[in-house]
Amino acid sequence: MITLKSEREIQTMDESGQLLASIHIALRDFIKPGVTTKEIDQFVQERIEAGGGIAAQIGYEGYKYATCTSVNDEICHGFPSDRVLKSGDIVKVDFCIDYNGGISDSCWCYAVGEIDPEHQRLMDVTLKALYIGIEQAKVGNRIGDIGHAIQTYVEGEGFGVVRDFIGHGIGPSIHEEPAVPHYGLAGKGLRLKKGMTITIEPMVTTGTWQMQMDNNGWTARTRDGGYCAQYEHSLVITDDGPYIMTDQDRAEANLAQ
């Protein structure tokens, strides 16, 4: 079921999204060689709770952590652990916040120390792909327009687009309808309407987009060992275009005041 959100619901989700964005900003300085992914998880959970929020992923379908911390070839749902990050790694930190009932969801990819230029290009292309997809998230367009724009750009840059994990509707729970693939055909799929709240979260690989699952039943990684980057925003469809609730530029400006 797809729900169109009220102004009050959007306001609460936006407040949640701005808290989440502020934590991603703080992670820029926290993530460095020598930090463990468990320490990242603890840092995020403490910041969520200090801001008055709840780490919404804890307990979701049995998940035990505040974040997913996925390193290098891990596509998504990496478990926080005692793994020590080293220079050259890239780490995706994905988490959700419940703030006064408003749900937000955002993943960001971080370079650890000095990374390979090709992996930096992977990150740059993935971030640009996110915003290319967001540009298509407007009233009257279709879900396929988002995926087609992302796929066309990413594959044109020589990278792969993961098919097994996609964006989704969000609120009042973490995962709602509609499904939002990052590949597809323009002009196909559900038509977007004012008040829809969705995530767009392309996962882009240096090699094959095909994945394999770890024995823990959660963590997915590339089948060929290639690196994967991911960026994600939560947004609402408005008459004036997409409004990004997890926007970091806006959060940074607010923090500077």
C-alpha atoms as a PDB file:
ATOM      1  CA  MET A   1       0.000   0.000   0.000  1.00  0.00           C
ATOM      2  CA  ILE A   2       1.303   3.455  -0.954  1.00  0.00           C
ATOM      3  CA  THR A   3       0.508   6.300   1.418  1.00  0.00           C
ATOM      4  CA  LEU A   4       0.543   9.971   0.464  1.00  0.00           C
ATOM      5  CA  LYS A   5       1.932  11.933   3.383  1.00  0.00           C
ATOM      6  CA  SER A   6       0.341  14.942   5.044  1.00  0.00           C
ATOM      7  CA  GLU A   7       2.234  18.178   5.659  1.00  0.00           C
ATOM      8  CA  ARG A   8       2.570  17.210   9.333  1.00  0.00           C
ATOM      9  CA  GLU A   9       4.006  13.809   8.474  1.00  0.00           C
ATOM     10  CA  ILE A  10       6.446  15.347   5.995  1.00  0.00           C
ATOM     11  CA  GLN A  11       7.571  17.887   8.572  1.00  0.00           C
ATOM     12  CA  THR A  12       8.316  15.148  11.103  1.00  0.00           C
ATOM     13  CA  MET A  13      10.168  13.053   8.519  1.00  0.00           C
ATOM     14  CA  ASP A  14      12.164  16.122   7.517  1.00  0.00           C
ATOM     15  CA  GLU A  15      13.195  16.724  11.139  1.00  0.00           C
ATOM     16  CA  SER A  16      14.243  13.079  11.339  1.00  0.00           C
ATOM     17  CA  GLY A  17      16.153  13.414   8.081  1.00  0.00           C
ATOM     18  CA  GLN A  18      18.033  16.474   9.258  1.00  0.00           C
ATOM     19  CA  LEU A  19      19.141  14.696  12.433  1.00  0.00           C
ATOM     20  CA  LEU A  20      20.326  11.804  10.281  1.00  0.00           C
ATOM     21  CA  ALA A  21      22.172  14.142   7.889  1.00  0.00           C
ATOM     22  CA  SER A  22      23.948  15.838  10.794  1.00  0.00           C
ATOM     23  CA  ILE A  23      25.326  12.461  11.903  1.00  0.00           C
ATOM     24  CA  HIS A  24      26.652  11.717   8.423  1.00  0.00           C
ATOM     25  CA  ILE A  25      28.409  15.090   8.559  1.00  0.00           C
ATOM     26  CA  ALA A  26      30.009  14.118  11.890  1.00  0.00           C
ATOM     27  CA  LEU A  27      31.175  10.805  10.408  1.00  0.00           C
ATOM     28  CA  ARG A  28      33.367  12.647   7.905  1.00  0.00           C
ATOM     29  CA  ASP A  29      35.944  13.316  10.611  1.00  0.00           C
ATOM     30  CA  PHE A  30      35.297  10.194  12.686  1.00  0.00           C
ATOM     31  CA  ILE A  31      36.004   7.652   9.934  1.00  0.00           C
ATOM     32  CA  LYS A  32      39.750   7.164   9.489  1.00  0.00           C
ATOM     33  CA  PRO A  33      42.307   4.341   9.415  1.00  0.00           C
ATOM     34  CA  GLY A  34      42.322   2.423  12.708  1.00  0.00           C
ATOM     35  CA  VAL A  35      38.606   2.835  13.469  1.00  0.00           C
ATOM     36  CA  THR A  36      36.519  -0.330  13.664  1.00  0.00           C
ATOM     37  CA  THR A  37      33.099  -0.693  12.099  1.00  0.00           C
ATOM     38  CA  LYS A  38      31.733  -1.470  15.576  1.00  0.00           C
ATOM     39  CA  GLU A  39      33.023   1.908  16.755  1.00  0.00           C
ATOM     40  CA  ILE A  40      31.230   3.559  13.835  1.00  0.00           C
ATOM     41  CA  ASP A  41      28.017   1.818  14.885  1.00  0.00           C
ATOM     42  CA  GLN A  42      28.414   2.945  18.502  1.00  0.00           C
ATOM     43  CA  PHE A  43      29.167   6.515  17.400  1.00  0.00           C
ATOM     44  CA  VAL A  44      26.015   6.638  15.262  1.00  0.00           C
ATOM     45  CA  GLN A  45      23.755   5.129  17.919  1.00  0.00           C
ATOM     46  CA  GLU A  46      25.017   7.576  20.556  1.00  0.00           C
ATOM     47  CA  ARG A  47      24.427  10.528  18.223  1.00  0.00           C
ATOM     48  CA  ILE A  48      20.921   9.336  17.343  1.00  0.00           C
ATOM     49  CA  GLU A  49      19.942   8.996  20.991  1.00  0.00           C
ATOM     50  CA  ALA A  50      21.586  12.302  21.964  1.00  0.00           C
ATOM     51  CA  GLY A  51      19.444  13.961  19.292  1.00  0.00           C
ATOM     52  CA  GLY A  52      16.250  12.480  20.702  1.00  0.00           C
ATOM     53  CA  GLY A  53      15.853   9.796  18.067  1.00  0.00           C
ATOM     54  CA  ILE A  54      15.641   6.015  17.997  1.00  0.00           C
ATOM     55  CA  ALA A  55      17.925   3.765  15.938  1.00  0.00           C
ATOM     56  CA  ALA A  56      15.117   2.312  13.844  1.00  0.00           C
ATOM     57  CA  GLN A  57      17.108  -0.581  12.363  1.00  0.00           C
ATOM     58  CA  ILE A  58      17.651  -2.277  15.735  1.00  0.00           C
ATOM     59  CA  GLY A  59      15.163  -5.131  15.879  1.00  0.00           C
ATOM     60  CA  TYR A  60      13.970  -4.678  12.291  1.00  0.00           C
ATOM     61  CA  GLU A  61      13.409  -8.231  11.033  1.00  0.00           C
ATOM     62  CA  GLY A  62      15.825  -9.352  13.758  1.00  0.00           C
ATOM     63  CA  TYR A  63      18.668  -6.995  12.829  1.00  0.00           C
ATOM     64  CA  LYS A  64      20.840  -6.214  15.871  1.00  0.00           C
ATOM     65  CA  TYR A  65      22.708  -3.024  14.976  1.00  0.00           C
ATOM     66  CA  ALA A  66      22.056   0.691  14.563  1.00  0.00           C
ATOM     67  CA  THR A  67      23.874   0.728  11.221  1.00  0.00           C
ATOM     68  CA  CYS A  68      24.895  -1.355   8.282  1.00  0.00           C
ATOM     69  CA  THR A  69      28.644  -0.846   7.733  1.00  0.00           C
ATOM     70  CA  SER A  70      29.645  -2.368   4.397  1.00  0.00           C
ATOM     71  CA  VAL A  71      33.315  -2.333   3.371  1.00  0.00           C
ATOM     72  CA  ASN A  72      34.833  -2.583  -0.115  1.00  0.00           C
ATOM     73  CA  ASP A  73      33.209  -5.525  -1.947  1.00  0.00           C
ATOM     74  CA  GLU A  74      30.310  -5.695   0.524  1.00  0.00           C
ATOM     75  CA  ILE A  75      27.282  -4.279  -1.288  1.00  0.00           C
ATOM     76  CA  CYS A  76      25.050  -3.740   1.731  1.00  0.00           C
ATOM     77  CA  HIS A  77      23.961  -4.988   5.170  1.00  0.00           C
ATOM     78  CA  GLY A  78      27.494  -5.398   6.494  1.00  0.00           C
ATOM     79  CA  PHE A  79      27.530  -6.214  10.213  1.00  0.00           C
ATOM     80  CA  PRO A  80      29.472  -3.835  12.489  1.00  0.00           C
ATOM     81  CA  SER A  81      32.389  -5.761  13.987  1.00  0.00           C
ATOM     82  CA  ASP A  82      35.943  -5.519  15.278  1.00  0.00           C
ATOM     83  CA  ARG A  83      37.161  -5.130  11.694  1.00  0.00           C
ATOM     84  CA  VAL A  84      39.744  -2.342  11.642  1.00  0.00           C
ATOM     85  CA  LEU A  85      39.497   0.006   8.678  1.00  0.00           C
ATOM     86  CA  LYS A  86      42.717   0.673   6.807  1.00  0.00           C
ATOM     87  CA  SER A  87      43.833   3.285   4.326  1.00  0.00           C
ATOM     88  CA  GLY A  88      42.433   2.422   0.902  1.00  0.00           C
ATOM     89  CA  ASP A  89      39.136   1.025   2.146  1.00  0.00           C
ATOM     90  CA  ILE A  90      35.753   2.498   1.320  1.00  0.00           C
ATOM     91  CA  VAL A  91      32.912   2.051   3.803  1.00  0.00           C
ATOM     92  CA  LYS A  92      29.174   2.544   3.321  1.00  0.00           C
ATOM     93  CA  VAL A  93      27.315   3.591   6.473  1.00  0.00           C
ATOM     94  CA  ASP A  94      23.552   3.103   6.171  1.00  0.00           C
ATOM     95  CA  PHE A  95      21.071   3.779   8.965  1.00  0.00           C
ATOM     96  CA  CYS A  96      17.513   4.807   9.748  1.00  0.00           C
ATOM     97  CA  ILE A  97      16.125   7.090  12.441  1.00  0.00           C
ATOM     98  CA  ASP A  98      12.723   7.250  14.071  1.00  0.00           C
ATOM     99  CA  TYR A  99      12.305  10.792  15.391  1.00  0.00           C
ATOM    100  CA  ASN A 100       8.923  11.455  16.988  1.00  0.00           C
ATOM    101  CA  GLY A 101       7.423   8.924  14.597  1.00  0.00           C
ATOM    102  CA  GLY A 102       9.112  10.347  11.490  1.00  0.00           C
ATOM    103  CA  ILE A 103      11.290   7.824   9.660  1.00  0.00           C
ATOM    104  CA  SER A 104      14.388   8.744   7.650  1.00  0.00           C
ATOM    105  CA  ASP A 105      16.932   6.579   5.829  1.00  0.00           C
ATOM    106  CA  SER A 106      20.250   7.520   4.248  1.00  0.00           C
ATOM    107  CA  CYS A 107      23.494   5.791   3.293  1.00  0.00           C
ATOM    108  CA  TRP A 108      26.775   7.544   2.587  1.00  0.00           C
ATOM    109  CA  CYS A 109      30.083   6.229   1.284  1.00  0.00           C
ATOM    110  CA  TYR A 110      33.351   7.293   2.932  1.00  0.00           C
ATOM    111  CA  ALA A 111      36.949   6.998   1.769  1.00  0.00           C
ATOM    112  CA  VAL A 112      39.311   5.734   4.459  1.00  0.00           C
ATOM    113  CA  GLY A 113      42.641   7.544   4.127  1.00  0.00           C
ATOM    114  CA  GLU A 114      44.100   7.542   0.617  1.00  0.00           C
ATOM    115  CA  ILE A 115      42.138   5.400  -1.821  1.00  0.00           C
ATOM    116  CA  ASP A 116      42.758   4.127  -5.341  1.00  0.00           C
ATOM    117  CA  PRO A 117      41.813   6.736  -8.013  1.00  0.00           C
ATOM    118  CA  GLU A 118      39.448   4.255  -9.659  1.00  0.00           C
ATOM    119  CA  HIS A 119      37.622   3.750  -6.379  1.00  0.00           C
ATOM    120  CA  GLN A 120      37.352   7.512  -5.990  1.00  0.00           C
ATOM    121  CA  ARG A 121      35.855   7.641  -9.484  1.00  0.00           C
ATOM    122  CA  LEU A 122      33.431   4.887  -8.444  1.00  0.00           C
ATOM    123  CA  MET A 123      32.313   7.016  -5.509  1.00  0.00           C
ATOM    124  CA  ASP A 124      32.020  10.149  -7.641  1.00  0.00           C
ATOM    125  CA  VAL A 125      29.940   8.395 -10.309  1.00  0.00           C
ATOM    126  CA  THR A 126      27.660   6.810  -7.692  1.00  0.00           C
ATOM    127  CA  LEU A 127      27.022  10.138  -5.958  1.00  0.00           C
ATOM    128  CA  LYS A 128      26.249  11.821  -9.279  1.00  0.00           C
ATOM    129  CA  ALA A 129      23.956   8.906 -10.203  1.00  0.00           C
ATOM    130  CA  LEU A 130      21.988   9.502  -6.998  1.00  0.00           C
ATOM    131  CA  TYR A 131      21.226  13.088  -7.971  1.00  0.00           C
ATOM    132  CA  ILE A 132      20.534  12.163 -11.600  1.00  0.00           C
ATOM    133  CA  GLY A 133      17.884   9.778 -10.278  1.00  0.00           C
ATOM    134  CA  ILE A 134      16.488  12.367  -7.889  1.00  0.00           C
ATOM    135  CA  GLU A 135      16.033  14.820 -10.772  1.00  0.00           C
ATOM    136  CA  GLN A 136      13.489  12.387 -12.252  1.00  0.00           C
ATOM    137  CA  ALA A 137      11.473  12.122  -9.025  1.00  0.00           C
ATOM    138  CA  LYS A 138       8.751  14.598  -9.894  1.00  0.00           C
ATOM    139  CA  VAL A 139       4.986  14.608 -10.223  1.00  0.00           C
ATOM    140  CA  GLY A 140       3.841  12.902 -13.422  1.00  0.00           C
ATOM    141  CA  ASN A 141       7.032  10.940 -14.064  1.00  0.00           C
ATOM    142  CA  ARG A 142       7.177   7.191 -13.611  1.00  0.00           C
ATOM    143  CA  ILE A 143       9.345   4.965 -11.430  1.00  0.00           C
ATOM    144  CA  GLY A 144      11.092   3.686 -14.546  1.00  0.00           C
ATOM    145  CA  ASP A 145      12.317   7.187 -15.356  1.00  0.00           C
ATOM    146  CA  ILE A 146      14.414   7.164 -12.174  1.00  0.00           C
ATOM    147  CA  GLY A 147      16.008   3.790 -12.826  1.00  0.00           C
ATOM    148  CA  HIS A 148      16.584   4.440 -16.514  1.00  0.00           C
ATOM    149  CA  ALA A 149      18.400   7.712 -15.839  1.00  0.00           C
ATOM    150  CA  ILE A 150      20.665   6.082 -13.256  1.00  0.00           C
ATOM    151  CA  GLN A 151      21.401   2.970 -15.308  1.00  0.00           C
ATOM    152  CA  THR A 152      22.144   4.908 -18.483  1.00  0.00           C
ATOM    153  CA  TYR A 153      24.628   7.173 -16.734  1.00  0.00           C
ATOM    154  CA  VAL A 154      26.351   4.489 -14.621  1.00  0.00           C
ATOM    155  CA  GLU A 155      26.777   1.958 -17.402  1.00  0.00           C
ATOM    156  CA  GLY A 156      27.978   4.730 -19.702  1.00  0.00           C
ATOM    157  CA  GLU A 157      30.774   5.302 -17.183  1.00  0.00           C
ATOM    158  CA  GLY A 158      31.744   1.615 -17.291  1.00  0.00           C
ATOM    159  CA  PHE A 159      30.305   0.541 -13.934  1.00  0.00           C
ATOM    160  CA  GLY A 160      27.568  -1.900 -12.924  1.00  0.00           C
ATOM    161  CA  VAL A 161      24.207  -1.253 -11.251  1.00  0.00           C
ATOM    162  CA  VAL A 162      23.118  -3.723  -8.550  1.00  0.00           C
ATOM    163  CA  ARG A 163      19.721  -5.278  -9.301  1.00  0.00           C
ATOM    164  CA  ASP A 164      19.047  -7.253  -6.110  1.00  0.00           C
ATOM    165  CA  PHE A 165      18.679  -4.266  -3.764  1.00  0.00           C
ATOM    166  CA  ILE A 166      16.638  -1.204  -4.614  1.00  0.00           C
ATOM    167  CA  GLY A 167      15.029   1.940  -3.232  1.00  0.00           C
ATOM    168  CA  HIS A 168      11.600   1.914  -1.641  1.00  0.00           C
ATOM    169  CA  GLY A 169       8.794   3.879  -0.125  1.00  0.00           C
ATOM    170  CA  ILE A 170       9.393   5.047   3.419  1.00  0.00           C
ATOM    171  CA  GLY A 171       7.103   5.920   6.342  1.00  0.00           C
ATOM    172  CA  PRO A 172       5.362   5.007   8.508  1.00  0.00           C
ATOM    173  CA  SER A 173       7.810   2.054   8.549  1.00  0.00           C
ATOM    174  CA  ILE A 174      11.287   1.659   7.078  1.00  0.00           C
ATOM    175  CA  HIS A 175      10.276  -0.226   3.942  1.00  0.00           C
ATOM    176  CA  GLU A 176       7.028   0.549   2.121  1.00  0.00           C
ATOM    177  CA  GLU A 177       5.710   0.418  -1.412  1.00  0.00           C
ATOM    178  CA  PRO A 178       6.621   1.416  -4.072  1.00  0.00           C
ATOM    179  CA  ALA A 179       9.788  -0.421  -5.089  1.00  0.00           C
ATOM    180  CA  VAL A 180      12.285   1.980  -6.713  1.00  0.00           C
ATOM    181  CA  PRO A 181      14.812   0.117  -8.916  1.00  0.00           C
ATOM    182  CA  HIS A 182      17.987   1.829 -10.124  1.00  0.00           C
ATOM    183  CA  TYR A 183      17.623   0.317 -13.587  1.00  0.00           C
ATOM    184  CA  GLY A 184      14.747   0.018 -16.001  1.00  0.00           C
ATOM    185  CA  LEU A 185      12.837   1.592 -18.857  1.00  0.00           C
ATOM    186  CA  ALA A 186      11.803   5.215 -19.140  1.00  0.00           C
ATOM    187  CA  GLY A 187       8.053   5.778 -19.172  1.00  0.00           C
ATOM    188  CA  LYS A 188       7.310   2.501 -17.393  1.00  0.00           C
ATOM    189  CA  GLY A 189       6.064   1.757 -13.901  1.00  0.00           C
ATOM    190  CA  LEU A 190       4.035   3.566 -11.287  1.00  0.00           C
ATOM    191  CA  ARG A 191       3.305   7.252 -11.864  1.00  0.00           C
ATOM    192  CA  LEU A 192       4.707   9.518  -9.155  1.00  0.00           C
ATOM    193  CA  LYS A 193       2.299  11.667  -7.138  1.00  0.00           C
ATOM    194  CA  LYS A 194       2.593  14.565  -4.737  1.00  0.00           C
ATOM    195  CA  GLY A 195       3.093  13.352  -1.181  1.00  0.00           C
ATOM    196  CA  MET A 196       4.915  10.107  -2.005  1.00  0.00           C
ATOM    197  CA  THR A 197       7.996   9.583   0.166  1.00  0.00           C
ATOM    198  CA  ILE A 198      10.701   7.325  -1.255  1.00  0.00           C
ATOM    199  CA  THR A 199      14.371   6.487  -1.078  1.00  0.00           C
ATOM    200  CA  ILE A 200      16.749   6.487  -4.018  1.00  0.00           C
ATOM    201  CA  GLU A 201      19.935   4.564  -3.224  1.00  0.00           C
ATOM    202  CA  PRO A 202      22.008   3.330  -6.177  1.00  0.00           C
ATOM    203  CA  MET A 203      24.607   0.650  -5.452  1.00  0.00           C
ATOM    204  CA  VAL A 204      27.307   0.771  -8.117  1.00  0.00           C
ATOM    205  CA  THR A 205      30.116  -1.731  -8.733  1.00  0.00           C
ATOM    206  CA  THR A 206      33.494  -1.745 -10.452  1.00  0.00           C
ATOM    207  CA  GLY A 207      32.748  -5.116 -12.038  1.00  0.00           C
ATOM    208  CA  THR A 208      29.722  -7.364 -12.190  1.00  0.00           C
ATOM    209  CA  TRP A 209      26.495  -6.231 -10.556  1.00  0.00           C
ATOM    210  CA  GLN A 210      25.770  -9.818  -9.502  1.00  0.00           C
ATOM    211  CA  MET A 211      25.995 -10.612  -5.815  1.00  0.00           C
ATOM    212  CA  GLN A 212      26.440 -13.449  -3.349  1.00  0.00           C
ATOM    213  CA  MET A 213      25.259 -13.698   0.256  1.00  0.00           C
ATOM    214  CA  ASP A 214      27.433 -14.314   3.293  1.00  0.00           C
ATOM    215  CA  ASN A 215      26.551 -17.117   5.681  1.00  0.00           C
ATOM    216  CA  ASN A 216      25.005 -14.615   8.108  1.00  0.00           C
ATOM    217  CA  GLY A 217      22.053 -14.307   5.740  1.00  0.00           C
ATOM    218  CA  TRP A 218      22.295 -10.496   5.633  1.00  0.00           C
ATOM    219  CA  THR A 219      25.538  -9.276   4.088  1.00  0.00           C
ATOM    220  CA  ALA A 220      25.662  -9.168   0.304  1.00  0.00           C
ATOM    221  CA  ARG A 221      28.914  -8.757  -1.612  1.00  0.00           C
ATOM    222  CA  THR A 222      29.939  -8.627  -5.253  1.00  0.00           C
ATOM    223  CA  ARG A 223      30.399 -12.013  -6.872  1.00  0.00           C
ATOM    224  CA  ASP A 224      33.715 -11.012  -8.472  1.00  0.00           C
ATOM    225  CA  GLY A 225      35.191  -9.164  -5.493  1.00  0.00           C
ATOM    226  CA  GLY A 226      34.837  -5.759  -7.135  1.00  0.00           C
ATOM    227  CA  TYR A 227      34.273  -2.707  -4.962  1.00  0.00           C
ATOM    228  CA  CYS A 228      30.806  -1.237  -4.447  1.00  0.00           C
ATOM    229  CA  ALA A 229      29.754   2.309  -3.542  1.00  0.00           C
ATOM    230  CA  GLN A 230      26.328   3.487  -2.414  1.00  0.00           C
ATOM    231  CA  TYR A 231      24.642   6.790  -1.635  1.00  0.00           C
ATOM    232  CA  GLU A 232      21.041   7.212  -0.508  1.00  0.00           C
ATOM    233  CA  HIS A 233      18.591  10.004   0.255  1.00  0.00           C
ATOM    234  CA  SER A 234      15.017  10.028   1.558  1.00  0.00           C
ATOM    235  CA  LEU A 235      12.824  12.472  -0.350  1.00  0.00           C
ATOM    236  CA  VAL A 236       9.257  13.567  -0.878  1.00  0.00           C
ATOM    237  CA  ILE A 237       7.574  14.257  -4.234  1.00  0.00           C
ATOM    238  CA  THR A 238       6.178  17.809  -4.303  1.00  0.00           C
ATOM    239  CA  ASP A 239       4.604  20.094  -6.881  1.00  0.00           C
ATOM    240  CA  ASP A 240       7.920  21.962  -6.931  1.00  0.00           C
ATOM    241  CA  GLY A 241      10.006  18.865  -7.548  1.00  0.00           C
ATOM    242  CA  PRO A 242      11.807  16.440  -5.233  1.00  0.00           C
ATOM    243  CA  TYR A 243      12.516  17.677  -1.709  1.00  0.00           C
ATOM    244  CA  ILE A 244      15.448  15.879  -0.063  1.00  0.00           C
ATOM    245  CA  MET A 245      14.744  15.329   3.625  1.00  0.00           C
ATOM    246  CA  THR A 246      18.233  13.936   4.366  1.00  0.00           C
ATOM    247  CA  ASP A 247      20.045  16.782   2.598  1.00  0.00           C
ATOM    248  CA  GLN A 248      23.465  17.324   4.171  1.00  0.00           C
ATOM    249  CA  ASP A 249      24.047  20.811   2.764  1.00  0.00           C
ATOM    250  CA  ARG A 250      20.942  22.076   4.538  1.00  0.00           C
ATOM    251  CA  ALA A 251      21.938  20.299   7.751  1.00  0.00           C
ATOM    252  CA  GLU A 252      25.444  21.747   7.565  1.00  0.00           C
ATOM    253  CA  ALA A 253      24.049  25.266   7.120  1.00  0.00           C
ATOM    254  CA  ASN A 254      21.812  24.763  10.149  1.00  0.00           C
ATOM    255  CA  LEU A 255      24.732  23.496  12.226  1.00  0.00           C
ATOM    256  CA  ALA A 256      26.732  26.602  11.292  1.00  0.00           C
ATOM    257  CA  GLN A 257      24.043  28.958  12.620  1.00  0.00           C
END
